[in-house]
Each structure stands twice: as structure tokens, then as C-alpha cells.
Amino acid sequence: LSLVQLIGGAAQQQKFKVKPTDLLVAEGSEALLRCEILHAAGAVQWTKDGEVLGYEEATNSITGYPRYSIQREGGGGSSVYNLHITNVTLGDDDQYECQVHPFMHHKPIRAKARLTVIGK
């Protein structure tokens, strides 16, 4: 057996415990897109319409998106990487995706959600 086979057989694949779900919010309110991963091994990032917003290693706020932050929590074998948006605007209405990159034997995983903003 190779080392990869030994590691692969002993460890479980990273997978979603909680996937982001479509959200309907009013302009000016807050939005929370949830993303919780079991056995997270790869780097986690959020995208908006395919554009990378940031990785979890960054500080809580996301560069270039001052109203966006990634809320990190961990424990019990799962890791939380929720995307929090304050003072939601019509420009936030878009498709978002929580992405976990591959690492060693772990396959990449992705989950999309639509944020719909209702104008005042």
C-alpha cells in the first residue's frame, strides 16, 4: 500500500454538512449565506457570480468588499465559513458559491445559492 492509500482509507472525504440555500432579503438588511464543512482539508473560498471574494485565511472582512465578511467557527469535526453581508444593496443580488479546494486525497466540493434582494 502507498502512503496515499493509507491516508485515503483512514480519513473521510470533505463534504458539506450545511450547504448555502437561496435567500430572499430586503434592501438595507443583512444576509447570511451558510456553509459548513465536515472534514475540511482544502482552502475555502466564496465567489460571487464566479468572481473570487476571498479565502478563509484572510481577516474576517473581505478586501474590496467592506460589507462582506466570512464568519469562521469550528469544532466537533465541522468547520463553518458563513458569508455575512451587511446593509444589503440591489448590487448584491447575485449567484454565490462556497468552494472547498482539493487537498491530498480530498476532492473539491462546491455549493451554489442565489441571493435575491427586494428593493425598498
Protein backbone atom coordinates (compact mmCIF):
# COMPACT_ATOMS: atom_id res chain seq x y z
CA LEU A 1 0.00 0.00 0.00
CA SER A 2 1.15 3.52 -0.77
CA LEU A 3 1.04 6.33 1.77
CA VAL A 4 -1.80 7.98 -0.19
CA GLN A 5 -3.85 4.77 0.01
CA LEU A 6 -3.24 4.51 3.75
CA ILE A 7 -4.21 8.14 4.35
CA GLY A 8 -7.14 7.92 1.94
CA GLY A 9 -8.54 4.85 3.62
CA ALA A 10 -8.24 6.29 7.12
CA ALA A 11 -9.61 9.78 6.51
CA GLN A 12 -13.06 10.75 5.30
CA GLN A 13 -13.72 12.99 2.31
CA GLN A 14 -14.54 16.63 2.97
CA LYS A 15 -18.26 17.20 2.42
CA PHE A 16 -20.96 19.73 3.18
CA LYS A 17 -22.83 19.50 6.47
CA VAL A 18 -24.77 22.68 5.65
CA LYS A 19 -24.96 23.99 2.08
CA PRO A 20 -25.84 27.59 1.30
CA THR A 21 -29.50 27.96 0.31
CA ASP A 22 -31.28 30.55 -1.81
CA LEU A 23 -32.09 33.63 0.21
CA LEU A 24 -34.59 36.46 -0.21
CA VAL A 25 -33.71 39.65 1.72
CA ALA A 26 -34.85 43.26 1.79
CA GLU A 27 -32.53 46.03 0.64
CA GLY A 28 -30.76 47.55 3.68
CA SER A 29 -31.00 44.38 5.79
CA GLU A 30 -28.37 41.67 6.43
CA ALA A 31 -27.80 38.41 4.58
CA LEU A 32 -26.16 35.24 5.91
CA LEU A 33 -25.24 32.52 3.44
CA ARG A 34 -24.36 29.41 5.43
CA CYS A 35 -21.58 26.97 4.56
CA GLU A 36 -20.50 24.25 6.98
CA ILE A 37 -17.99 21.57 6.02
CA LEU A 38 -17.23 18.21 7.60
CA HIS A 39 -13.59 17.08 7.46
CA ALA A 40 -12.49 20.33 5.75
CA ALA A 41 -8.96 19.96 4.37
CA GLY A 42 -8.73 22.27 1.33
CA ALA A 43 -8.83 26.06 1.32
CA VAL A 44 -12.36 27.51 1.48
CA GLN A 45 -13.47 30.49 -0.58
CA TRP A 46 -16.67 32.25 -1.61
CA THR A 47 -17.41 33.51 -5.11
CA LYS A 48 -19.98 36.00 -6.39
CA ASP A 49 -21.02 35.39 -10.00
CA GLY A 50 -17.79 33.42 -10.48
CA GLU A 51 -15.52 36.15 -9.04
CA VAL A 52 -13.47 35.10 -6.00
CA LEU A 53 -14.42 37.13 -2.92
CA GLY A 54 -11.78 35.74 -0.59
CA TYR A 55 -10.31 32.83 1.29
CA GLU A 56 -10.97 31.91 4.90
CA GLU A 57 -7.33 32.63 5.83
CA ALA A 58 -7.95 36.32 5.28
CA THR A 59 -9.10 38.53 8.11
CA ASN A 60 -12.80 38.50 8.84
CA SER A 61 -13.55 41.23 6.29
CA ILE A 62 -13.02 40.73 2.57
CA THR A 63 -10.71 43.11 0.70
CA GLY A 64 -12.67 45.25 -1.77
CA TYR A 65 -15.98 44.23 -0.18
CA PRO A 66 -16.18 46.15 3.11
CA ARG A 67 -19.75 44.96 3.84
CA TYR A 68 -18.80 41.29 3.35
CA SER A 69 -17.17 39.06 5.94
CA ILE A 70 -16.58 35.35 6.47
CA GLN A 71 -17.76 34.15 9.87
CA ARG A 72 -15.50 31.31 10.99
CA GLU A 73 -16.32 28.74 13.62
CA GLY A 74 -15.03 25.26 14.20
CA GLY A 75 -15.49 22.28 16.46
CA GLY A 76 -16.97 18.83 16.55
CA GLY A 77 -15.37 17.80 13.26
CA SER A 78 -17.01 20.53 11.21
CA SER A 79 -15.93 24.00 10.13
CA VAL A 80 -18.25 26.94 9.47
CA TYR A 81 -17.49 29.53 6.76
CA ASN A 82 -20.66 31.64 6.60
CA LEU A 83 -20.72 34.66 4.27
CA HIS A 84 -22.22 37.67 6.05
CA ILE A 85 -23.32 40.76 4.11
CA THR A 86 -24.39 43.92 5.94
CA ASN A 87 -26.56 46.75 4.55
CA VAL A 88 -27.54 44.67 1.50
CA THR A 89 -27.91 46.60 -1.77
CA LEU A 90 -29.51 45.69 -5.10
CA GLY A 91 -25.93 45.13 -6.38
CA ASP A 92 -25.60 42.16 -4.01
CA ASP A 93 -28.39 40.33 -5.87
CA ASP A 94 -26.39 37.52 -7.48
CA GLN A 95 -25.31 33.87 -7.52
CA TYR A 96 -22.85 32.92 -4.72
CA GLU A 97 -20.84 29.75 -4.27
CA CYS A 98 -18.99 28.21 -1.34
CA GLN A 99 -15.98 26.33 -2.73
CA VAL A 100 -13.61 23.95 -0.98
CA HIS A 101 -10.41 23.23 -2.89
CA PRO A 102 -8.88 19.77 -3.25
CA PHE A 103 -6.17 18.74 -0.81
CA MET A 104 -4.24 15.45 -0.89
CA HIS A 105 -6.94 12.75 -1.30
CA HIS A 106 -9.83 15.19 -0.79
CA LYS A 107 -11.89 16.06 -3.84
CA PRO A 108 -13.07 19.65 -4.44
CA ILE A 109 -16.66 20.44 -3.47
CA ARG A 110 -18.93 23.39 -4.37
CA ALA A 111 -22.40 24.59 -3.44
CA LYS A 112 -24.32 27.49 -5.02
CA ALA A 113 -27.06 29.74 -3.67
CA ARG A 114 -28.96 32.68 -5.13
CA LEU A 115 -29.27 35.90 -3.13
CA THR A 116 -32.34 37.85 -4.22
CA VAL A 117 -32.66 41.43 -2.96
CA ILE A 118 -36.04 43.15 -2.79
CA GLY A 119 -35.88 46.92 -3.30
CA LYS A 120 -37.48 49.32 -0.86
